[in-house]
Structures are given as C-alpha cells and as structure tokens.
PDB file of N, CA and C in Angstrom:
ATOM      1  N   MET A   1     -10.369   2.992  10.378  1.00  0.00           N
ATOM      2  CA  MET A   1      -9.703   3.344   9.135  1.00  0.00           C
ATOM      3  C   MET A   1     -10.567   2.862   7.974  1.00  0.00           C
ATOM      4  N   SER A   2     -10.832   3.731   7.032  1.00  0.00           N
ATOM      5  CA  SER A   2     -11.603   3.329   5.860  1.00  0.00           C
ATOM      6  C   SER A   2     -10.668   2.931   4.738  1.00  0.00           C
ATOM      7  N   ILE A   3     -11.217   2.176   3.786  1.00  0.00           N
ATOM      8  CA  ILE A   3     -10.424   1.745   2.638  1.00  0.00           C
ATOM      9  C   ILE A   3      -9.952   2.956   1.839  1.00  0.00           C
ATOM     10  N   GLN A   4     -10.755   4.030   1.804  1.00  0.00           N
ATOM     11  CA  GLN A   4     -10.386   5.227   1.055  1.00  0.00           C
ATOM     12  C   GLN A   4      -9.127   5.887   1.618  1.00  0.00           C
ATOM     13  N   SER A   5      -8.827   5.649   2.909  1.00  0.00           N
ATOM     14  CA  SER A   5      -7.666   6.295   3.511  1.00  0.00           C
ATOM     15  C   SER A   5      -6.352   5.598   3.165  1.00  0.00           C
ATOM     16  N   ILE A   6      -6.415   4.463   2.509  1.00  0.00           N
ATOM     17  CA  ILE A   6      -5.202   3.736   2.116  1.00  0.00           C
ATOM     18  C   ILE A   6      -4.775   4.221   0.737  1.00  0.00           C
ATOM     19  N   ASN A   7      -3.525   4.681   0.634  1.00  0.00           N
ATOM     20  CA  ASN A   7      -3.036   5.262  -0.608  1.00  0.00           C
ATOM     21  C   ASN A   7      -2.375   4.191  -1.473  1.00  0.00           C
ATOM     22  N   VAL A   8      -3.192   3.440  -2.176  1.00  0.00           N
ATOM     23  CA  VAL A   8      -2.703   2.415  -3.088  1.00  0.00           C
ATOM     24  C   VAL A   8      -3.517   2.526  -4.364  1.00  0.00           C
ATOM     25  N   ARG A   9      -2.867   2.507  -5.490  1.00  0.00           N
ATOM     26  CA  ARG A   9      -3.578   2.684  -6.760  1.00  0.00           C
ATOM     27  C   ARG A   9      -4.315   1.447  -7.221  1.00  0.00           C
ATOM     28  N   ASN A  10      -3.681   0.309  -7.164  1.00  0.00           N
ATOM     29  CA  ASN A  10      -4.267  -0.913  -7.723  1.00  0.00           C
ATOM     30  C   ASN A  10      -5.014  -1.695  -6.657  1.00  0.00           C
ATOM     31  N   GLN A  11      -6.348  -1.623  -6.713  1.00  0.00           N
ATOM     32  CA  GLN A  11      -7.206  -2.318  -5.765  1.00  0.00           C
ATOM     33  C   GLN A  11      -8.105  -3.269  -6.540  1.00  0.00           C
ATOM     34  N   PHE A  12      -8.176  -4.517  -6.072  1.00  0.00           N
ATOM     35  CA  PHE A  12      -8.983  -5.528  -6.750  1.00  0.00           C
ATOM     36  C   PHE A  12      -9.970  -6.138  -5.765  1.00  0.00           C
ATOM     37  N   LYS A  13     -11.259  -5.913  -5.980  1.00  0.00           N
ATOM     38  CA  LYS A  13     -12.277  -6.559  -5.155  1.00  0.00           C
ATOM     39  C   LYS A  13     -12.392  -8.008  -5.594  1.00  0.00           C
ATOM     40  N   GLY A  14     -12.575  -8.886  -4.625  1.00  0.00           N
ATOM     41  CA  GLY A  14     -12.708 -10.290  -4.958  1.00  0.00           C
ATOM     42  C   GLY A  14     -13.182 -11.101  -3.778  1.00  0.00           C
ATOM     43  N   VAL A  15     -13.085 -12.402  -3.940  1.00  0.00           N
ATOM     44  CA  VAL A  15     -13.515 -13.360  -2.924  1.00  0.00           C
ATOM     45  C   VAL A  15     -12.356 -14.329  -2.680  1.00  0.00           C
ATOM     46  N   ILE A  16     -12.118 -14.643  -1.426  1.00  0.00           N
ATOM     47  CA  ILE A  16     -11.042 -15.577  -1.104  1.00  0.00           C
ATOM     48  C   ILE A  16     -11.390 -16.959  -1.647  1.00  0.00           C
ATOM     49  N   LYS A  17     -10.467 -17.492  -2.452  1.00  0.00           N
ATOM     50  CA  LYS A  17     -10.653 -18.811  -3.066  1.00  0.00           C
ATOM     51  C   LYS A  17      -9.968 -19.899  -2.257  1.00  0.00           C
ATOM     52  N   GLU A  18      -8.785 -19.592  -1.700  1.00  0.00           N
ATOM     53  CA  GLU A  18      -8.023 -20.600  -0.952  1.00  0.00           C
ATOM     54  C   GLU A  18      -7.118 -19.916   0.051  1.00  0.00           C
ATOM     55  N   ILE A  19      -6.944 -20.551   1.208  1.00  0.00           N
ATOM     56  CA  ILE A  19      -5.988 -20.092   2.218  1.00  0.00           C
ATOM     57  C   ILE A  19      -5.126 -21.284   2.604  1.00  0.00           C
ATOM     58  N   ILE A  20      -3.815 -21.124   2.463  1.00  0.00           N
ATOM     59  CA  ILE A  20      -2.868 -22.155   2.892  1.00  0.00           C
ATOM     60  C   ILE A  20      -2.122 -21.584   4.091  1.00  0.00           C
ATOM     61  N   GLU A  21      -2.481 -22.078   5.287  1.00  0.00           N
ATOM     62  CA  GLU A  21      -1.890 -21.545   6.518  1.00  0.00           C
ATOM     63  C   GLU A  21      -0.606 -22.262   6.876  1.00  0.00           C
ATOM     64  N   GLY A  22       0.382 -21.477   7.245  1.00  0.00           N
ATOM     65  CA  GLY A  22       1.628 -22.002   7.788  1.00  0.00           C
ATOM     66  C   GLY A  22       1.760 -21.527   9.221  1.00  0.00           C
ATOM     67  N   PRO A  23       2.821 -21.938   9.915  1.00  0.00           N
ATOM     68  CA  PRO A  23       2.974 -21.535  11.315  1.00  0.00           C
ATOM     69  C   PRO A  23       3.182 -20.028  11.491  1.00  0.00           C
ATOM     70  N   VAL A  24       3.784 -19.378  10.508  1.00  0.00           N
ATOM     71  CA  VAL A  24       4.047 -17.936  10.599  1.00  0.00           C
ATOM     72  C   VAL A  24       3.395 -17.178   9.449  1.00  0.00           C
ATOM     73  N   LEU A  25       3.534 -17.672   8.227  1.00  0.00           N
ATOM     74  CA  LEU A  25       2.990 -17.010   7.051  1.00  0.00           C
ATOM     75  C   LEU A  25       1.911 -17.860   6.410  1.00  0.00           C
ATOM     76  N   SER A  26       0.955 -17.184   5.758  1.00  0.00           N
ATOM     77  CA  SER A  26      -0.118 -17.864   5.039  1.00  0.00           C
ATOM     78  C   SER A  26      -0.233 -17.307   3.635  1.00  0.00           C
ATOM     79  N   GLU A  27      -0.655 -18.153   2.706  1.00  0.00           N
ATOM     80  CA  GLU A  27      -0.886 -17.760   1.314  1.00  0.00           C
ATOM     81  C   GLU A  27      -2.395 -17.629   1.124  1.00  0.00           C
ATOM     82  N   VAL A  28      -2.828 -16.464   0.644  1.00  0.00           N
ATOM     83  CA  VAL A  28      -4.251 -16.198   0.438  1.00  0.00           C
ATOM     84  C   VAL A  28      -4.477 -15.928  -1.050  1.00  0.00           C
ATOM     85  N   ASP A  29      -5.288 -16.771  -1.686  1.00  0.00           N
ATOM     86  CA  ASP A  29      -5.639 -16.596  -3.092  1.00  0.00           C
ATOM     87  C   ASP A  29      -6.991 -15.903  -3.176  1.00  0.00           C
ATOM     88  N   VAL A  30      -7.026 -14.781  -3.906  1.00  0.00           N
ATOM     89  CA  VAL A  30      -8.249 -14.002  -4.068  1.00  0.00           C
ATOM     90  C   VAL A  30      -8.665 -14.051  -5.533  1.00  0.00           C
ATOM     91  N   GLU A  31      -9.900 -14.496  -5.778  1.00  0.00           N
ATOM     92  CA  GLU A  31     -10.429 -14.536  -7.133  1.00  0.00           C
ATOM     93  C   GLU A  31     -11.047 -13.176  -7.438  1.00  0.00           C
ATOM     94  N   THR A  32     -10.513 -12.497  -8.473  1.00  0.00           N
ATOM     95  CA  THR A  32     -10.999 -11.181  -8.877  1.00  0.00           C
ATOM     96  C   THR A  32     -11.475 -11.248 -10.322  1.00  0.00           C
ATOM     97  N   ALA A  33     -12.088 -10.175 -10.780  1.00  0.00           N
ATOM     98  CA  ALA A  33     -12.524 -10.109 -12.176  1.00  0.00           C
ATOM     99  C   ALA A  33     -11.335 -10.187 -13.125  1.00  0.00           C
ATOM    100  N   SER A  34     -10.152  -9.797 -12.650  1.00  0.00           N
ATOM    101  CA  SER A  34      -8.939  -9.815 -13.471  1.00  0.00           C
ATOM    102  C   SER A  34      -8.156 -11.109 -13.348  1.00  0.00           C
ATOM    103  N   GLY A  35      -8.589 -12.025 -12.489  1.00  0.00           N
ATOM    104  CA  GLY A  35      -7.880 -13.276 -12.272  1.00  0.00           C
ATOM    105  C   GLY A  35      -7.535 -13.455 -10.808  1.00  0.00           C
ATOM    106  N   ILE A  36      -6.690 -14.433 -10.532  1.00  0.00           N
ATOM    107  CA  ILE A  36      -6.294 -14.737  -9.155  1.00  0.00           C
ATOM    108  C   ILE A  36      -5.167 -13.814  -8.725  1.00  0.00           C
ATOM    109  N   VAL A  37      -5.324 -13.224  -7.540  1.00  0.00           N
ATOM    110  CA  VAL A  37      -4.276 -12.428  -6.906  1.00  0.00           C
ATOM    111  C   VAL A  37      -3.885 -13.174  -5.641  1.00  0.00           C
ATOM    112  N   THR A  38      -2.592 -13.396  -5.452  1.00  0.00           N
ATOM    113  CA  THR A  38      -2.103 -14.133  -4.286  1.00  0.00           C
ATOM    114  C   THR A  38      -1.343 -13.206  -3.367  1.00  0.00           C
ATOM    115  N   SER A  39      -1.647 -13.292  -2.081  1.00  0.00           N
ATOM    116  CA  SER A  39      -0.963 -12.503  -1.065  1.00  0.00           C
ATOM    117  C   SER A  39      -0.356 -13.439  -0.037  1.00  0.00           C
ATOM    118  N   VAL A  40       0.850 -13.139   0.403  1.00  0.00           N
ATOM    119  CA  VAL A  40       1.467 -13.857   1.509  1.00  0.00           C
ATOM    120  C   VAL A  40       1.460 -12.896   2.697  1.00  0.00           C
ATOM    121  N   ILE A  41       0.678 -13.249   3.722  1.00  0.00           N
ATOM    122  CA  ILE A  41       0.551 -12.409   4.909  1.00  0.00           C
ATOM    123  C   ILE A  41       0.764 -13.278   6.141  1.00  0.00           C
ATOM    124  N   THR A  42       0.904 -12.639   7.292  1.00  0.00           N
ATOM    125  CA  THR A  42       1.113 -13.424   8.500  1.00  0.00           C
ATOM    126  C   THR A  42      -0.146 -14.225   8.831  1.00  0.00           C
ATOM    127  N   THR A  43       0.070 -15.386   9.402  1.00  0.00           N
ATOM    128  CA  THR A  43      -1.042 -16.223   9.839  1.00  0.00           C
ATOM    129  C   THR A  43      -1.827 -15.503  10.929  1.00  0.00           C
ATOM    130  N   ARG A  44      -1.150 -14.732  11.730  1.00  0.00           N
ATOM    131  CA  ARG A  44      -1.827 -13.925  12.757  1.00  0.00           C
ATOM    132  C   ARG A  44      -2.817 -12.966  12.111  1.00  0.00           C
ATOM    133  N   SER A  45      -2.429 -12.330  10.995  1.00  0.00           N
ATOM    134  CA  SER A  45      -3.333 -11.413  10.297  1.00  0.00           C
ATOM    135  C   SER A  45      -4.541 -12.145   9.732  1.00  0.00           C
ATOM    136  N   VAL A  46      -4.322 -13.352   9.207  1.00  0.00           N
ATOM    137  CA  VAL A  46      -5.438 -14.159   8.698  1.00  0.00           C
ATOM    138  C   VAL A  46      -6.447 -14.384   9.811  1.00  0.00           C
ATOM    139  N   ARG A  47      -5.963 -14.700  10.997  1.00  0.00           N
ATOM    140  CA  ARG A  47      -6.858 -14.963  12.136  1.00  0.00           C
ATOM    141  C   ARG A  47      -7.513 -13.685  12.637  1.00  0.00           C
ATOM    142  N   GLU A  48      -6.738 -12.597  12.752  1.00  0.00           N
ATOM    143  CA  GLU A  48      -7.297 -11.334  13.251  1.00  0.00           C
ATOM    144  C   GLU A  48      -8.345 -10.757  12.302  1.00  0.00           C
ATOM    145  N   LEU A  49      -8.133 -10.914  10.991  1.00  0.00           N
ATOM    146  CA  LEU A  49      -9.119 -10.445  10.001  1.00  0.00           C
ATOM    147  C   LEU A  49     -10.256 -11.446   9.812  1.00  0.00           C
ATOM    148  N   GLN A  50     -10.122 -12.605  10.456  1.00  0.00           N
ATOM    149  CA  GLN A  50     -11.110 -13.683  10.349  1.00  0.00           C
ATOM    150  C   GLN A  50     -11.374 -14.052   8.887  1.00  0.00           C
ATOM    151  N   LEU A  51     -10.273 -14.168   8.123  1.00  0.00           N
ATOM    152  CA  LEU A  51     -10.383 -14.509   6.711  1.00  0.00           C
ATOM    153  C   LEU A  51     -10.783 -15.965   6.557  1.00  0.00           C
ATOM    154  N   LYS A  52     -11.715 -16.203   5.679  1.00  0.00           N
ATOM    155  CA  LYS A  52     -12.208 -17.545   5.385  1.00  0.00           C
ATOM    156  C   LYS A  52     -12.417 -17.661   3.877  1.00  0.00           C
ATOM    157  N   VAL A  53     -12.402 -18.876   3.356  1.00  0.00           N
ATOM    158  CA  VAL A  53     -12.741 -19.087   1.952  1.00  0.00           C
ATOM    159  C   VAL A  53     -14.162 -18.568   1.749  1.00  0.00           C
ATOM    160  N   GLY A  54     -14.344 -17.753   0.710  1.00  0.00           N
ATOM    161  CA  GLY A  54     -15.641 -17.161   0.418  1.00  0.00           C
ATOM    162  C   GLY A  54     -15.808 -15.748   0.953  1.00  0.00           C
ATOM    163  N   SER A  55     -14.874 -15.291   1.801  1.00  0.00           N
ATOM    164  CA  SER A  55     -14.966 -13.929   2.337  1.00  0.00           C
ATOM    165  C   SER A  55     -14.728 -12.896   1.239  1.00  0.00           C
ATOM    166  N   PRO A  56     -15.567 -11.838   1.176  1.00  0.00           N
ATOM    167  CA  PRO A  56     -15.302 -10.750   0.229  1.00  0.00           C
ATOM    168  C   PRO A  56     -14.177  -9.874   0.778  1.00  0.00           C
ATOM    169  N   VAL A  57     -13.207  -9.550  -0.070  1.00  0.00           N
ATOM    170  CA  VAL A  57     -12.044  -8.754   0.343  1.00  0.00           C
ATOM    171  C   VAL A  57     -11.634  -7.810  -0.782  1.00  0.00           C
ATOM    172  N   VAL A  58     -10.703  -6.933  -0.456  1.00  0.00           N
ATOM    173  CA  VAL A  58     -10.035  -6.102  -1.445  1.00  0.00           C
ATOM    174  C   VAL A  58      -8.550  -6.423  -1.367  1.00  0.00           C
ATOM    175  N   ALA A  59      -7.927  -6.719  -2.495  1.00  0.00           N
ATOM    176  CA  ALA A  59      -6.485  -6.938  -2.559  1.00  0.00           C
ATOM    177  C   ALA A  59      -5.847  -5.638  -3.033  1.00  0.00           C
ATOM    178  N   PHE A  60      -4.907  -5.121  -2.246  1.00  0.00           N
ATOM    179  CA  PHE A  60      -4.191  -3.900  -2.588  1.00  0.00           C
ATOM    180  C   PHE A  60      -2.808  -4.283  -3.092  1.00  0.00           C
ATOM    181  N   VAL A  61      -2.481  -3.885  -4.301  1.00  0.00           N
ATOM    182  CA  VAL A  61      -1.185  -4.213  -4.884  1.00  0.00           C
ATOM    183  C   VAL A  61      -0.325  -2.964  -4.866  1.00  0.00           C
ATOM    184  N   LYS A  62       0.813  -3.057  -4.187  1.00  0.00           N
ATOM    185  CA  LYS A  62       1.738  -1.930  -4.110  1.00  0.00           C
ATOM    186  C   LYS A  62       3.147  -2.471  -4.323  1.00  0.00           C
ATOM    187  N   SER A  63       3.743  -2.117  -5.426  1.00  0.00           N
ATOM    188  CA  SER A  63       5.090  -2.539  -5.754  1.00  0.00           C
ATOM    189  C   SER A  63       5.199  -4.061  -5.714  1.00  0.00           C
ATOM    190  N   THR A  64       5.861  -4.605  -4.695  1.00  0.00           N
ATOM    191  CA  THR A  64       6.058  -6.057  -4.642  1.00  0.00           C
ATOM    192  C   THR A  64       5.194  -6.734  -3.587  1.00  0.00           C
ATOM    193  N   GLU A  65       4.236  -6.015  -2.984  1.00  0.00           N
ATOM    194  CA  GLU A  65       3.416  -6.643  -1.956  1.00  0.00           C
ATOM    195  C   GLU A  65       1.932  -6.526  -2.279  1.00  0.00           C
ATOM    196  N   VAL A  66       1.159  -7.471  -1.762  1.00  0.00           N
ATOM    197  CA  VAL A  66      -0.283  -7.462  -1.891  1.00  0.00           C
ATOM    198  C   VAL A  66      -0.876  -7.493  -0.500  1.00  0.00           C
ATOM    199  N   SER A  67      -1.671  -6.483  -0.146  1.00  0.00           N
ATOM    200  CA  SER A  67      -2.320  -6.416   1.148  1.00  0.00           C
ATOM    201  C   SER A  67      -3.779  -6.829   1.010  1.00  0.00           C
ATOM    202  N   ILE A  68      -4.384  -7.277   2.112  1.00  0.00           N
ATOM    203  CA  ILE A  68      -5.768  -7.733   2.118  1.00  0.00           C
ATOM    204  C   ILE A  68      -6.568  -6.936   3.134  1.00  0.00           C
ATOM    205  N   ALA A  69      -7.789  -6.530   2.744  1.00  0.00           N
ATOM    206  CA  ALA A  69      -8.726  -5.888   3.674  1.00  0.00           C
ATOM    207  C   ALA A  69     -10.075  -6.559   3.523  1.00  0.00           C
ATOM    208  N   THR A  70     -10.799  -6.676   4.634  1.00  0.00           N
ATOM    209  CA  THR A  70     -12.111  -7.300   4.573  1.00  0.00           C
ATOM    210  C   THR A  70     -13.162  -6.326   4.068  1.00  0.00           C
ATOM    211  N   LEU A  71     -14.209  -6.839   3.457  1.00  0.00           N
ATOM    212  CA  LEU A  71     -15.353  -6.040   2.996  1.00  0.00           C
ATOM    213  C   LEU A  71     -16.547  -6.428   3.844  1.00  0.00           C
ATOM    214  N   ALA A  72     -16.768  -5.706   4.900  1.00  0.00           N
ATOM    215  CA  ALA A  72     -17.915  -6.033   5.766  1.00  0.00           C
ATOM    216  C   ALA A  72     -18.572  -4.779   6.249  1.00  0.00           C
TER     217      ALA A  72
END
C-alpha cells in the first residue's frame, strides 16, 4: 500500500520526537514544520512499524484521529 492510496487530506511529514509506551496504547509525538502532532496508537503498532525516536514518518490527521506511517 502506498501513502498516495490513503484518502486523508491533512498529512504532516515529520520526525518522531518522543514515544511513551504503555501496555496497550502508546503516545507518539511527531515534530513537523507546523509543530508537534501527537498520536495515540496501539503499542503493537509501534512495534510492528518499528517506530523509534528520530524515525521519519507521516502523520495523517482525519477528524479526531492521527495515524502514523513510516517513510522508508
């Protein structure tokens, strides 16, 4: 699946600044040109995407949720 196939208008490229992992959910802070965007995603997703501080990502903002995709 390419990033272009995701139908979301607000996309912010950035770098992960901080990850606070919990047993089920994790908070991921992404530093973008527009400021910090925070996403709460499953800890399983953090591990499956191999997200680390410093990883380049895209934050997708849709209504009340923020999704994360890796840039590799």
